[in-house]
Amino acid sequence: MLGSFAPILILFLIAVFIAVFVITVSSLLGPRRSSPRKLAPYESGMEPIGPAIRRIPVKFYVVAMLFIVFDIEVVFFYPYALVFRQLAVPGLIAIGVFFLVLVVGFVYEWRKGALTWE
């Protein structure tokens, strides 16, 4: 049984070896000419404005988490769409309940103001 995973293990080991080899060789053979300009933070070709560590509003994280949660939940509709004829009425009821929970969660978030951008 484990013998069938041998090619994957070999491929993984080769990939790790190549990555370590390339990083090691580039650090040993690469030029090391540091200057204050090279060591300065780089921000899209402009001089950085403000400190590097800034407080980011929680709203960004909330929107990102909501997107991920709803995106992952919507993915579950695809397998259902592939076999919906074999599932018949019980499958329709199950996906209906799933969709209802999804819509209730979406409406709740909308009412709470999690989706409004200020």
C-alpha atoms as a PDB file:
ATOM      1  CA  MET A   1       0.000   0.000   0.000  1.00  0.00           C
ATOM      2  CA  LEU A   2       2.728   2.489   0.906  1.00  0.00           C
ATOM      3  CA  GLY A   3       4.675   1.544  -2.214  1.00  0.00           C
ATOM      4  CA  SER A   4       2.136   3.385  -4.345  1.00  0.00           C
ATOM      5  CA  PHE A   5       3.115   6.647  -2.607  1.00  0.00           C
ATOM      6  CA  ALA A   6       6.831   6.179  -3.316  1.00  0.00           C
ATOM      7  CA  PRO A   7       6.824   8.322  -6.508  1.00  0.00           C
ATOM      8  CA  ILE A   8       5.137  11.176  -4.641  1.00  0.00           C
ATOM      9  CA  LEU A   9       7.674  10.924  -1.818  1.00  0.00           C
ATOM     10  CA  ILE A  10      10.540  10.901  -4.310  1.00  0.00           C
ATOM     11  CA  LEU A  11       9.106  13.941  -6.108  1.00  0.00           C
ATOM     12  CA  PHE A  12       8.712  15.772  -2.781  1.00  0.00           C
ATOM     13  CA  LEU A  13      12.306  14.985  -1.767  1.00  0.00           C
ATOM     14  CA  ILE A  14      13.631  16.143  -5.135  1.00  0.00           C
ATOM     15  CA  ALA A  15      11.652  19.403  -4.872  1.00  0.00           C
ATOM     16  CA  VAL A  16      12.958  20.064  -1.344  1.00  0.00           C
ATOM     17  CA  PHE A  17      16.522  19.296  -2.433  1.00  0.00           C
ATOM     18  CA  ILE A  18      16.306  21.646  -5.423  1.00  0.00           C
ATOM     19  CA  ALA A  19      14.859  24.454  -3.286  1.00  0.00           C
ATOM     20  CA  VAL A  20      17.536  24.109  -0.598  1.00  0.00           C
ATOM     21  CA  PHE A  21      20.280  23.773  -3.225  1.00  0.00           C
ATOM     22  CA  VAL A  22      19.233  26.899  -5.142  1.00  0.00           C
ATOM     23  CA  ILE A  23      18.930  29.024  -1.982  1.00  0.00           C
ATOM     24  CA  THR A  24      22.293  27.806  -0.667  1.00  0.00           C
ATOM     25  CA  VAL A  25      24.145  28.349  -3.942  1.00  0.00           C
ATOM     26  CA  SER A  26      22.666  31.815  -4.449  1.00  0.00           C
ATOM     27  CA  SER A  27      23.599  32.883  -0.926  1.00  0.00           C
ATOM     28  CA  LEU A  28      27.155  31.563  -1.344  1.00  0.00           C
ATOM     29  CA  LEU A  29      27.844  32.838  -4.856  1.00  0.00           C
ATOM     30  CA  GLY A  30      25.646  35.943  -5.017  1.00  0.00           C
ATOM     31  CA  PRO A  31      27.051  39.462  -4.684  1.00  0.00           C
ATOM     32  CA  ARG A  32      26.862  41.146  -1.308  1.00  0.00           C
ATOM     33  CA  ARG A  33      27.103  44.849  -1.964  1.00  0.00           C
ATOM     34  CA  SER A  34      24.858  46.443   0.628  1.00  0.00           C
ATOM     35  CA  SER A  35      24.117  50.140   0.642  1.00  0.00           C
ATOM     36  CA  PRO A  36      21.721  52.276   2.675  1.00  0.00           C
ATOM     37  CA  ARG A  37      19.518  52.643  -0.392  1.00  0.00           C
ATOM     38  CA  LYS A  38      19.328  48.873  -0.909  1.00  0.00           C
ATOM     39  CA  LEU A  39      18.574  48.279   2.749  1.00  0.00           C
ATOM     40  CA  ALA A  40      15.749  50.856   2.811  1.00  0.00           C
ATOM     41  CA  PRO A  41      12.162  49.551   2.728  1.00  0.00           C
ATOM     42  CA  TYR A  42      10.663  49.442  -0.747  1.00  0.00           C
ATOM     43  CA  GLU A  43       7.050  50.429  -1.302  1.00  0.00           C
ATOM     44  CA  SER A  44       5.961  50.366  -4.946  1.00  0.00           C
ATOM     45  CA  GLY A  45       8.897  52.491  -6.092  1.00  0.00           C
ATOM     46  CA  MET A  46       8.093  55.313  -3.690  1.00  0.00           C
ATOM     47  CA  GLU A  47       9.533  56.426  -0.400  1.00  0.00           C
ATOM     48  CA  PRO A  48       7.622  54.740   2.422  1.00  0.00           C
ATOM     49  CA  ILE A  49       5.063  56.917   4.150  1.00  0.00           C
ATOM     50  CA  GLY A  50       4.516  56.403   7.855  1.00  0.00           C
ATOM     51  CA  PRO A  51       5.619  53.516  10.034  1.00  0.00           C
ATOM     52  CA  ALA A  52       5.867  49.993   8.693  1.00  0.00           C
ATOM     53  CA  ILE A  53       3.622  48.650  11.431  1.00  0.00           C
ATOM     54  CA  ARG A  54       0.178  50.232  11.269  1.00  0.00           C
ATOM     55  CA  ARG A  55      -3.126  49.246  12.758  1.00  0.00           C
ATOM     56  CA  ILE A  56      -5.432  47.774  10.155  1.00  0.00           C
ATOM     57  CA  PRO A  57      -9.160  48.096  10.775  1.00  0.00           C
ATOM     58  CA  VAL A  58     -10.895  44.897  11.832  1.00  0.00           C
ATOM     59  CA  LYS A  59     -13.388  45.447   9.005  1.00  0.00           C
ATOM     60  CA  PHE A  60     -10.805  44.136   6.504  1.00  0.00           C
ATOM     61  CA  TYR A  61     -10.472  40.869   8.399  1.00  0.00           C
ATOM     62  CA  VAL A  62     -14.226  40.488   8.863  1.00  0.00           C
ATOM     63  CA  VAL A  63     -14.906  40.924   5.156  1.00  0.00           C
ATOM     64  CA  ALA A  64     -12.107  38.499   4.280  1.00  0.00           C
ATOM     65  CA  MET A  65     -13.396  35.842   6.691  1.00  0.00           C
ATOM     66  CA  LEU A  66     -16.976  36.240   5.467  1.00  0.00           C
ATOM     67  CA  PHE A  67     -15.833  35.902   1.869  1.00  0.00           C
ATOM     68  CA  ILE A  68     -13.906  32.734   2.641  1.00  0.00           C
ATOM     69  CA  VAL A  69     -16.763  31.186   4.621  1.00  0.00           C
ATOM     70  CA  PHE A  70     -19.390  31.879   1.968  1.00  0.00           C
ATOM     71  CA  ASP A  71     -17.060  30.962  -0.870  1.00  0.00           C
ATOM     72  CA  ILE A  72     -16.353  27.571   0.694  1.00  0.00           C
ATOM     73  CA  GLU A  73     -20.026  26.952   1.422  1.00  0.00           C
ATOM     74  CA  VAL A  74     -21.052  27.742  -2.140  1.00  0.00           C
ATOM     75  CA  VAL A  75     -18.533  25.174  -3.396  1.00  0.00           C
ATOM     76  CA  PHE A  76     -20.757  22.473  -1.888  1.00  0.00           C
ATOM     77  CA  PHE A  77     -23.407  23.222  -4.514  1.00  0.00           C
ATOM     78  CA  TYR A  78     -21.204  21.835  -7.292  1.00  0.00           C
ATOM     79  CA  PRO A  79     -21.209  18.165  -6.178  1.00  0.00           C
ATOM     80  CA  TYR A  80     -24.949  18.408  -5.619  1.00  0.00           C
ATOM     81  CA  ALA A  81     -25.435  19.757  -9.146  1.00  0.00           C
ATOM     82  CA  LEU A  82     -23.570  16.756 -10.547  1.00  0.00           C
ATOM     83  CA  VAL A  83     -25.824  14.152  -8.914  1.00  0.00           C
ATOM     84  CA  PHE A  84     -29.080  15.988  -8.242  1.00  0.00           C
ATOM     85  CA  ARG A  85     -31.168  13.571 -10.370  1.00  0.00           C
ATOM     86  CA  GLN A  86     -30.015  10.540  -8.379  1.00  0.00           C
ATOM     87  CA  LEU A  87     -30.715  12.261  -5.049  1.00  0.00           C
ATOM     88  CA  ALA A  88     -34.338  13.036  -5.992  1.00  0.00           C
ATOM     89  CA  VAL A  89     -36.598  14.650  -3.375  1.00  0.00           C
ATOM     90  CA  PRO A  90     -34.497  13.867  -0.248  1.00  0.00           C
ATOM     91  CA  GLY A  91     -31.497  15.513  -1.902  1.00  0.00           C
ATOM     92  CA  LEU A  92     -33.610  18.533  -2.845  1.00  0.00           C
ATOM     93  CA  ILE A  93     -34.780  18.878   0.756  1.00  0.00           C
ATOM     94  CA  ALA A  94     -31.215  18.591   2.067  1.00  0.00           C
ATOM     95  CA  ILE A  95     -29.845  21.212  -0.303  1.00  0.00           C
ATOM     96  CA  GLY A  96     -32.862  23.411   0.426  1.00  0.00           C
ATOM     97  CA  VAL A  97     -32.068  23.316   4.158  1.00  0.00           C
ATOM     98  CA  PHE A  98     -28.404  24.029   3.393  1.00  0.00           C
ATOM     99  CA  PHE A  99     -29.361  26.975   1.200  1.00  0.00           C
ATOM    100  CA  LEU A 100     -31.784  28.267   3.843  1.00  0.00           C
ATOM    101  CA  VAL A 101     -29.021  28.227   6.488  1.00  0.00           C
ATOM    102  CA  LEU A 102     -26.723  30.005   4.037  1.00  0.00           C
ATOM    103  CA  VAL A 103     -29.302  32.710   3.303  1.00  0.00           C
ATOM    104  CA  VAL A 104     -30.176  33.184   6.992  1.00  0.00           C
ATOM    105  CA  GLY A 105     -26.463  33.650   7.788  1.00  0.00           C
ATOM    106  CA  PHE A 106     -26.082  36.106   4.932  1.00  0.00           C
ATOM    107  CA  VAL A 107     -29.115  38.155   6.000  1.00  0.00           C
ATOM    108  CA  TYR A 108     -27.878  38.159   9.605  1.00  0.00           C
ATOM    109  CA  GLU A 109     -24.486  39.508   8.537  1.00  0.00           C
ATOM    110  CA  TRP A 110     -26.124  42.079   6.311  1.00  0.00           C
ATOM    111  CA  ARG A 111     -28.417  43.298   9.135  1.00  0.00           C
ATOM    112  CA  LYS A 112     -25.476  43.473  11.563  1.00  0.00           C
ATOM    113  CA  GLY A 113     -23.680  45.773   9.115  1.00  0.00           C
ATOM    114  CA  ALA A 114     -20.731  43.471   8.461  1.00  0.00           C
ATOM    115  CA  LEU A 115     -21.011  44.049   4.718  1.00  0.00           C
ATOM    116  CA  THR A 116     -21.240  47.847   4.778  1.00  0.00           C
ATOM    117  CA  TRP A 117     -18.081  49.732   3.952  1.00  0.00           C
ATOM    118  CA  GLU A 118     -17.472  53.120   5.542  1.00  0.00           C
END
